[in-house]
Amino acid sequence: MTSRHAEVEQVWPRDGRVLVIGRIVGTAPTPPARTTAILTLTNRDRPDLVLSCPATVDGGRFQAAFAVELVVSTMASRRIDGRQVWDLHLRLPGDPEPLRLGRHLDDIPGKKTVMTFPAQTGEARTGAVSVKPYYTVMQNLSLISRPVQA
């Protein structure tokens, strides 16, 4: 994929948070020098369930971090059980189309099995939930959340 998207360069899941760093690629105009964007996490089975957190955009680079508690507390409050997949997008100010987060501009095939990240665990009233970033077969960045089995 070489179309307009948010190219992920680094993913740092640790200490109950996930930090994503990258750059905006494609034909879109470069965002202003420094602005706030929105990172969205959209539940794949419930597309109306969208979580968001602030992201910083500086020229063509972006950075966003969110606490896994954002996903965990939403699952608990909505009484969502089982494995859930969340797709990540970057929404730039004034841009109607969100940019899918992915890693497409490298020479690493099969990222889904080659590049793995540690799960972060959060506590909910219903028990512990793990949140783990992963690359899809299309090389996009998503999250899997699931209850931790005791």
Protein backbone atom coordinates (compact mmCIF):
# COMPACT_ATOMS: atom_id res chain seq x y z
CA MET A 1 0.00 0.00 0.00
CA THR A 2 1.49 3.31 -1.02
CA SER A 3 -1.70 5.34 -0.79
CA ARG A 4 -2.25 8.00 1.82
CA HIS A 5 -1.94 6.55 5.32
CA ALA A 6 -0.25 6.91 8.69
CA GLU A 7 3.00 4.94 8.39
CA VAL A 8 3.90 3.38 11.74
CA GLU A 9 7.58 3.49 12.60
CA GLN A 10 7.53 2.49 16.28
CA VAL A 11 5.10 0.76 18.64
CA TRP A 12 5.91 0.76 22.37
CA PRO A 13 3.47 -1.18 24.58
CA ARG A 14 4.61 -0.93 28.20
CA ASP A 15 3.57 0.20 31.67
CA GLY A 16 -0.14 -0.08 30.81
CA ARG A 17 0.15 2.20 27.78
CA VAL A 18 0.68 1.90 24.03
CA LEU A 19 2.77 4.56 22.26
CA VAL A 20 2.68 4.77 18.46
CA ILE A 21 5.09 6.96 16.46
CA GLY A 22 5.13 7.45 12.72
CA ARG A 23 4.71 9.74 9.74
CA ILE A 24 1.98 10.72 7.34
CA VAL A 25 2.57 9.57 3.77
CA GLY A 26 0.70 10.03 0.52
CA THR A 27 -0.70 12.92 -1.44
CA ALA A 28 -2.41 14.73 1.43
CA PRO A 29 -1.28 18.24 2.25
CA THR A 30 1.22 18.31 5.10
CA PRO A 31 -0.46 19.28 8.37
CA PRO A 32 0.59 22.52 10.05
CA ALA A 33 3.78 22.74 12.07
CA ARG A 34 2.25 21.44 15.31
CA THR A 35 -1.36 20.49 15.84
CA THR A 36 -3.54 18.06 17.73
CA ALA A 37 -5.14 15.17 15.88
CA ILE A 38 -7.21 12.24 17.13
CA LEU A 39 -6.19 8.59 17.27
CA THR A 40 -9.30 6.41 17.00
CA LEU A 41 -9.76 2.78 17.96
CA THR A 42 -12.78 1.33 16.15
CA ASN A 43 -14.25 -1.97 17.26
CA ARG A 44 -14.33 -4.19 14.18
CA ASP A 45 -17.53 -6.02 15.20
CA ARG A 46 -19.26 -2.86 16.45
CA PRO A 47 -18.22 -0.05 14.05
CA ASP A 48 -20.30 2.46 16.04
CA LEU A 49 -18.03 1.84 19.05
CA VAL A 50 -15.13 4.23 18.56
CA LEU A 51 -12.65 5.18 21.28
CA SER A 52 -10.37 8.17 20.89
CA CYS A 53 -7.36 9.86 22.38
CA PRO A 54 -5.27 12.89 21.40
CA ALA A 55 -2.38 12.60 18.99
CA THR A 56 0.30 15.15 18.23
CA VAL A 57 1.16 15.97 14.63
CA ASP A 58 4.26 18.00 13.89
CA GLY A 59 4.70 18.54 10.18
CA GLY A 60 4.50 15.10 8.64
CA ARG A 61 5.15 13.16 11.88
CA PHE A 62 2.66 11.91 14.47
CA GLN A 63 2.73 10.47 17.96
CA ALA A 64 -0.09 9.10 20.09
CA ALA A 65 -0.25 7.23 23.37
CA PHE A 66 -3.21 5.74 25.17
CA ALA A 67 -3.71 3.80 28.36
CA VAL A 68 -4.99 0.26 27.87
CA GLU A 69 -7.52 1.22 30.53
CA LEU A 70 -9.39 3.07 27.75
CA VAL A 71 -10.21 -0.27 26.12
CA VAL A 72 -10.59 -2.21 29.37
CA SER A 73 -13.04 0.23 30.96
CA THR A 74 -15.09 0.42 27.75
CA MET A 75 -15.37 -3.36 27.58
CA ALA A 76 -16.48 -3.46 31.22
CA SER A 77 -18.99 -0.61 30.98
CA ARG A 78 -20.52 -2.00 27.76
CA ARG A 79 -20.45 -5.56 29.12
CA ILE A 80 -18.45 -6.77 26.13
CA ASP A 81 -17.06 -10.26 26.57
CA GLY A 82 -14.61 -12.26 24.54
CA ARG A 83 -11.98 -11.36 22.01
CA GLN A 84 -12.34 -7.93 20.37
CA VAL A 85 -10.40 -6.39 17.48
CA TRP A 86 -9.83 -2.63 17.28
CA ASP A 87 -8.61 -0.90 14.11
CA LEU A 88 -6.48 2.25 14.51
CA HIS A 89 -6.88 5.45 12.47
CA LEU A 90 -5.49 8.97 12.67
CA ARG A 91 -7.94 11.85 12.15
CA LEU A 92 -6.29 15.09 11.09
CA PRO A 93 -7.99 18.44 11.73
CA GLY A 94 -10.10 19.53 8.75
CA ASP A 95 -9.58 16.23 6.92
CA PRO A 96 -12.79 14.22 6.38
CA GLU A 97 -10.99 10.92 5.74
CA PRO A 98 -9.19 9.17 8.60
CA LEU A 99 -5.77 7.69 7.86
CA ARG A 100 -5.32 3.98 8.59
CA LEU A 101 -2.28 3.18 10.70
CA GLY A 102 -0.02 0.60 9.08
CA ARG A 103 3.52 -0.28 8.19
CA HIS A 104 3.79 -0.64 4.42
CA LEU A 105 7.01 1.05 3.36
CA ASP A 106 9.55 -1.47 4.58
CA ASP A 107 10.73 -4.80 3.22
CA ILE A 108 9.38 -6.97 6.03
CA PRO A 109 6.82 -9.48 4.73
CA GLY A 110 4.38 -11.25 7.04
CA LYS A 111 4.51 -8.76 9.88
CA LYS A 112 1.57 -10.49 11.57
CA THR A 113 3.80 -13.42 12.50
CA VAL A 114 7.22 -11.74 12.45
CA MET A 115 6.64 -8.56 14.49
CA THR A 116 4.99 -9.29 17.82
CA PHE A 117 4.33 -7.04 20.77
CA PRO A 118 3.75 -7.79 24.46
CA ALA A 119 0.22 -7.58 25.79
CA GLN A 120 -0.60 -5.00 28.43
CA THR A 121 -3.12 -5.95 31.12
CA GLY A 122 -5.76 -3.78 32.72
CA GLU A 123 -8.20 -4.56 35.50
CA ALA A 124 -11.96 -4.25 35.20
CA ARG A 125 -14.78 -5.17 37.57
CA THR A 126 -15.28 -8.30 35.52
CA GLY A 127 -11.60 -9.32 35.69
CA ALA A 128 -8.34 -8.68 33.91
CA VAL A 129 -8.26 -7.84 30.20
CA SER A 130 -5.20 -8.00 27.95
CA VAL A 131 -4.67 -5.49 25.14
CA LYS A 132 -2.10 -6.40 22.48
CA PRO A 133 -1.07 -4.48 19.35
CA TYR A 134 -0.52 -6.53 16.21
CA TYR A 135 -0.09 -6.14 12.47
CA THR A 136 -2.88 -7.54 10.31
CA VAL A 137 -2.33 -9.59 7.17
CA MET A 138 -2.76 -6.28 5.29
CA GLN A 139 0.10 -4.82 7.41
CA ASN A 140 -2.19 -2.41 9.26
CA LEU A 141 -1.91 -1.85 13.00
CA SER A 142 -4.77 -3.13 15.16
CA LEU A 143 -5.33 -4.26 18.74
CA ILE A 144 -6.74 -7.45 20.17
CA SER A 145 -8.37 -7.28 23.59
CA ARG A 146 -9.51 -10.34 25.48
CA PRO A 147 -10.30 -11.38 29.03
CA VAL A 148 -7.34 -12.96 30.82
CA GLN A 149 -8.12 -16.53 31.76
CA ALA A 150 -7.27 -17.27 35.38
